[in-house]
Amino acid sequence: MPSISHKALIFAGPSGSGKTTIARYLLENNGDLGFSVSACTRAKRPQEIHGKDYYFLSVDEFKRKIEQEAFIEWEEVYEGRYYGTLKTEVANLWKAGKVAVFDMDVQGALRLKSYFEEDALAVYVQVPSLSLLARRLIKRKTEPAEELVRRIGKAEQEASSAAQFDVVLINEQLKTSLCNAWRLADEFLKR
């Protein structure tokens, strides 16, 4: 188990909930935080950078890392699409004196919450309605229509897991959500 000085802030929720925006805001405004870059097998989007947004791996590379026990947690989130948290990524953040910040899917977040126990704050970022979530995903223009349908269906399933998180942060108005996230992080880091 990690030592008491090693903390983790975990943000999870469906695609389009705003978890990435909230995590980035905290990271940009608090030098004690460091982003834990996840590994994945999905295709890189044009604006994304390997090693900054994700470690983009082939399915074979990812499976080799599973065999090497290189992950704290990993999951096949969608068929053929793996995501995971590398042990070395978290260790490097802690070695640098940073609190590890995670932006991830719901099941992976719950596994991290279980792993880190009281050294983690797990925040479920929730959108007030599925129709608002659909509008946000469409506005992003990052996925084809069939992917949008899959993501909205997954969001419906994931909503039932919200109660397992330490906090549910409803992201209706971004400015309010950012203030609430800042307060939650501040209170957690002072414990």
Protein backbone atom coordinates (compact mmCIF):
# COMPACT_ATOMS: atom_id res chain seq x y z
CA MET A 1 0.00 0.00 0.00
CA PRO A 2 1.21 3.54 -0.66
CA SER A 3 2.54 5.56 2.25
CA ILE A 4 0.30 8.17 3.86
CA SER A 5 2.21 10.98 2.10
CA HIS A 6 1.25 9.62 -1.32
CA LYS A 7 -2.14 10.92 -2.34
CA ALA A 8 -4.32 10.51 -5.39
CA LEU A 9 -7.14 12.62 -6.81
CA ILE A 10 -9.33 10.52 -9.08
CA PHE A 11 -11.86 12.07 -11.48
CA ALA A 12 -14.19 9.75 -13.35
CA GLY A 13 -17.42 9.92 -15.24
CA PRO A 14 -18.77 9.35 -18.70
CA SER A 15 -17.15 10.80 -21.82
CA GLY A 16 -18.36 14.39 -22.11
CA SER A 17 -19.01 14.85 -18.38
CA GLY A 18 -16.21 17.41 -18.04
CA LYS A 19 -13.83 15.32 -15.93
CA THR A 20 -10.86 16.16 -18.16
CA THR A 21 -11.60 19.89 -18.10
CA ILE A 22 -11.89 19.83 -14.30
CA ALA A 23 -8.69 17.81 -13.85
CA ARG A 24 -6.77 20.10 -16.22
CA TYR A 25 -7.98 23.19 -14.37
CA LEU A 26 -6.69 21.83 -11.08
CA LEU A 27 -3.40 20.76 -12.62
CA GLU A 28 -2.84 24.17 -14.24
CA ASN A 29 -3.53 26.00 -10.98
CA ASN A 30 -1.83 23.84 -8.34
CA GLY A 31 1.87 23.00 -8.67
CA ASP A 32 1.57 20.20 -6.09
CA LEU A 33 -0.46 18.13 -8.55
CA GLY A 34 0.81 15.95 -11.39
CA PHE A 35 -1.18 14.21 -14.11
CA SER A 36 -0.97 10.43 -14.24
CA VAL A 37 -0.86 9.62 -17.94
CA SER A 38 -2.80 6.45 -18.69
CA ALA A 39 -1.94 3.89 -21.34
CA CYS A 40 -4.53 2.99 -23.98
CA THR A 41 -4.95 1.15 -27.25
CA ARG A 42 -7.40 3.53 -28.94
CA ALA A 43 -6.36 5.63 -31.91
CA LYS A 44 -4.67 8.95 -31.14
CA ARG A 45 -6.80 12.00 -31.89
CA PRO A 46 -5.12 14.73 -33.98
CA GLN A 47 -4.52 17.13 -31.07
CA GLU A 48 -3.26 14.45 -28.65
CA ILE A 49 0.39 13.89 -27.77
CA HIS A 50 1.90 10.50 -26.89
CA GLY A 51 3.21 10.60 -23.33
CA LYS A 52 1.24 13.72 -22.44
CA ASP A 53 -2.41 12.80 -23.05
CA TYR A 54 -1.96 9.00 -23.13
CA TYR A 55 0.66 6.41 -23.83
CA PHE A 56 -0.74 5.08 -27.10
CA LEU A 57 0.11 1.38 -27.31
CA SER A 58 -0.80 -1.39 -29.72
CA VAL A 59 -2.98 -4.17 -28.32
CA ASP A 60 0.09 -6.46 -28.35
CA GLU A 61 2.21 -3.91 -26.45
CA PHE A 62 -0.58 -3.46 -23.90
CA LYS A 63 -0.98 -7.22 -23.40
CA ARG A 64 2.80 -7.58 -22.88
CA LYS A 65 2.60 -4.97 -20.12
CA ILE A 66 -0.27 -6.92 -18.53
CA GLU A 67 1.94 -10.03 -18.53
CA GLN A 68 4.78 -7.99 -17.00
CA GLU A 69 2.40 -6.78 -14.24
CA ALA A 70 3.23 -3.18 -15.20
CA PHE A 71 -0.26 -1.86 -14.34
CA ILE A 72 -1.88 -0.92 -11.03
CA GLU A 73 -5.16 -1.51 -12.84
CA TRP A 74 -6.26 -2.09 -16.40
CA GLU A 75 -9.49 -2.80 -18.24
CA GLU A 76 -10.87 -3.54 -21.65
CA VAL A 77 -13.27 -0.56 -21.57
CA TYR A 78 -14.67 -1.27 -25.02
CA GLU A 79 -14.07 -4.37 -27.12
CA GLY A 80 -10.44 -4.26 -28.25
CA ARG A 81 -9.80 -0.98 -26.40
CA TYR A 82 -7.67 -1.29 -23.31
CA TYR A 83 -6.88 1.39 -20.76
CA GLY A 84 -4.59 1.12 -17.74
CA THR A 85 -2.60 2.89 -15.04
CA LEU A 86 1.14 2.23 -15.18
CA LYS A 87 2.89 1.64 -11.85
CA THR A 88 5.94 3.59 -13.06
CA GLU A 89 3.83 6.63 -13.92
CA VAL A 90 2.48 6.94 -10.36
CA ALA A 91 5.87 6.15 -8.79
CA ASN A 92 7.52 8.93 -10.84
CA LEU A 93 4.90 11.48 -9.78
CA TRP A 94 5.32 10.61 -6.11
CA LYS A 95 9.11 10.65 -6.44
CA ALA A 96 8.75 14.22 -7.76
CA GLY A 97 6.65 15.10 -4.68
CA LYS A 98 3.40 15.42 -6.64
CA VAL A 99 -0.13 14.28 -5.82
CA ALA A 100 -1.22 11.96 -8.64
CA VAL A 101 -4.28 13.20 -10.55
CA PHE A 102 -6.28 10.70 -12.58
CA ASP A 103 -8.86 11.33 -15.30
CA MET A 104 -10.39 7.99 -16.19
CA ASP A 105 -13.28 5.61 -16.71
CA VAL A 106 -15.55 4.60 -13.83
CA GLN A 107 -14.43 1.00 -13.32
CA GLY A 108 -10.74 1.89 -13.37
CA ALA A 109 -11.39 4.72 -10.93
CA LEU A 110 -13.12 2.37 -8.50
CA ARG A 111 -10.16 -0.02 -8.68
CA LEU A 112 -7.77 2.85 -7.93
CA LYS A 113 -9.98 4.00 -5.06
CA SER A 114 -9.79 0.50 -3.61
CA TYR A 115 -6.00 0.35 -4.14
CA PHE A 116 -5.19 3.76 -2.62
CA GLU A 117 -7.86 3.53 0.10
CA GLU A 118 -7.82 6.61 2.40
CA ASP A 119 -5.01 8.18 0.36
CA ALA A 120 -7.44 8.84 -2.50
CA LEU A 121 -10.36 11.13 -3.17
CA ALA A 122 -12.58 9.63 -5.88
CA VAL A 123 -14.88 12.15 -7.57
CA TYR A 124 -17.65 11.09 -9.94
CA VAL A 125 -18.34 13.89 -12.42
CA GLN A 126 -21.98 13.72 -13.43
CA VAL A 127 -23.91 15.53 -16.14
CA PRO A 128 -27.45 16.57 -15.14
CA SER A 129 -29.03 14.65 -18.05
CA LEU A 130 -28.19 12.22 -20.84
CA SER A 131 -29.53 14.70 -23.40
CA LEU A 132 -26.98 17.30 -22.21
CA LEU A 133 -24.27 14.64 -22.33
CA ALA A 134 -25.24 13.77 -25.92
CA ARG A 135 -25.10 17.45 -26.92
CA ARG A 136 -21.62 17.80 -25.39
CA LEU A 137 -20.34 14.72 -27.19
CA ILE A 138 -21.78 15.87 -30.52
CA LYS A 139 -20.26 19.33 -30.05
CA ARG A 140 -16.79 17.80 -29.48
CA LYS A 141 -16.84 16.22 -32.97
CA THR A 142 -14.28 13.62 -31.92
CA GLU A 143 -16.26 10.39 -32.46
CA PRO A 144 -18.35 8.93 -35.28
CA ALA A 145 -22.11 8.44 -34.68
CA GLU A 146 -21.82 4.75 -33.68
CA GLU A 147 -19.20 5.65 -31.07
CA LEU A 148 -21.50 8.35 -29.65
CA VAL A 149 -24.29 5.81 -29.23
CA ARG A 150 -21.91 3.43 -27.47
CA ARG A 151 -20.62 6.14 -25.13
CA ILE A 152 -24.12 7.30 -24.18
CA GLY A 153 -25.16 3.71 -23.47
CA LYS A 154 -22.08 3.26 -21.29
CA ALA A 155 -22.89 6.50 -19.45
CA GLU A 156 -26.30 5.11 -18.50
CA GLN A 157 -24.66 1.99 -17.05
CA GLU A 158 -21.93 3.92 -15.23
CA ALA A 159 -24.38 6.26 -13.49
CA SER A 160 -25.36 3.42 -11.16
CA SER A 161 -21.78 3.38 -9.81
CA ALA A 162 -21.80 7.03 -8.71
CA ALA A 163 -22.73 6.15 -5.12
CA GLN A 164 -19.48 4.16 -4.75
CA PHE A 165 -17.41 7.34 -5.11
CA ASP A 166 -16.43 9.65 -2.26
CA VAL A 167 -18.13 12.62 -3.93
CA VAL A 168 -20.53 13.21 -6.82
CA LEU A 169 -19.82 16.51 -8.56
CA ILE A 170 -22.67 17.59 -10.83
CA ASN A 171 -21.21 19.50 -13.76
CA GLU A 172 -23.98 21.71 -15.07
CA GLN A 173 -22.26 25.11 -14.99
CA LEU A 174 -18.52 24.76 -15.57
CA LYS A 175 -17.45 27.77 -13.49
CA THR A 176 -19.35 26.46 -10.45
CA SER A 177 -17.99 22.95 -11.01
CA LEU A 178 -14.41 24.23 -11.16
CA CYS A 179 -14.87 26.12 -7.87
CA ASN A 180 -16.39 23.05 -6.23
CA ALA A 181 -13.59 20.82 -7.51
CA TRP A 182 -10.99 23.28 -6.18
CA ARG A 183 -12.65 23.24 -2.74
CA LEU A 184 -12.84 19.42 -2.69
CA ALA A 185 -9.19 19.06 -3.70
CA ASP A 186 -8.06 21.67 -1.17
CA GLU A 187 -9.93 19.98 1.69
CA PHE A 188 -8.56 16.56 0.69
CA LEU A 189 -4.95 17.75 0.45
CA LYS A 190 -5.14 19.35 3.92
CA ARG A 191 -6.20 16.06 5.57
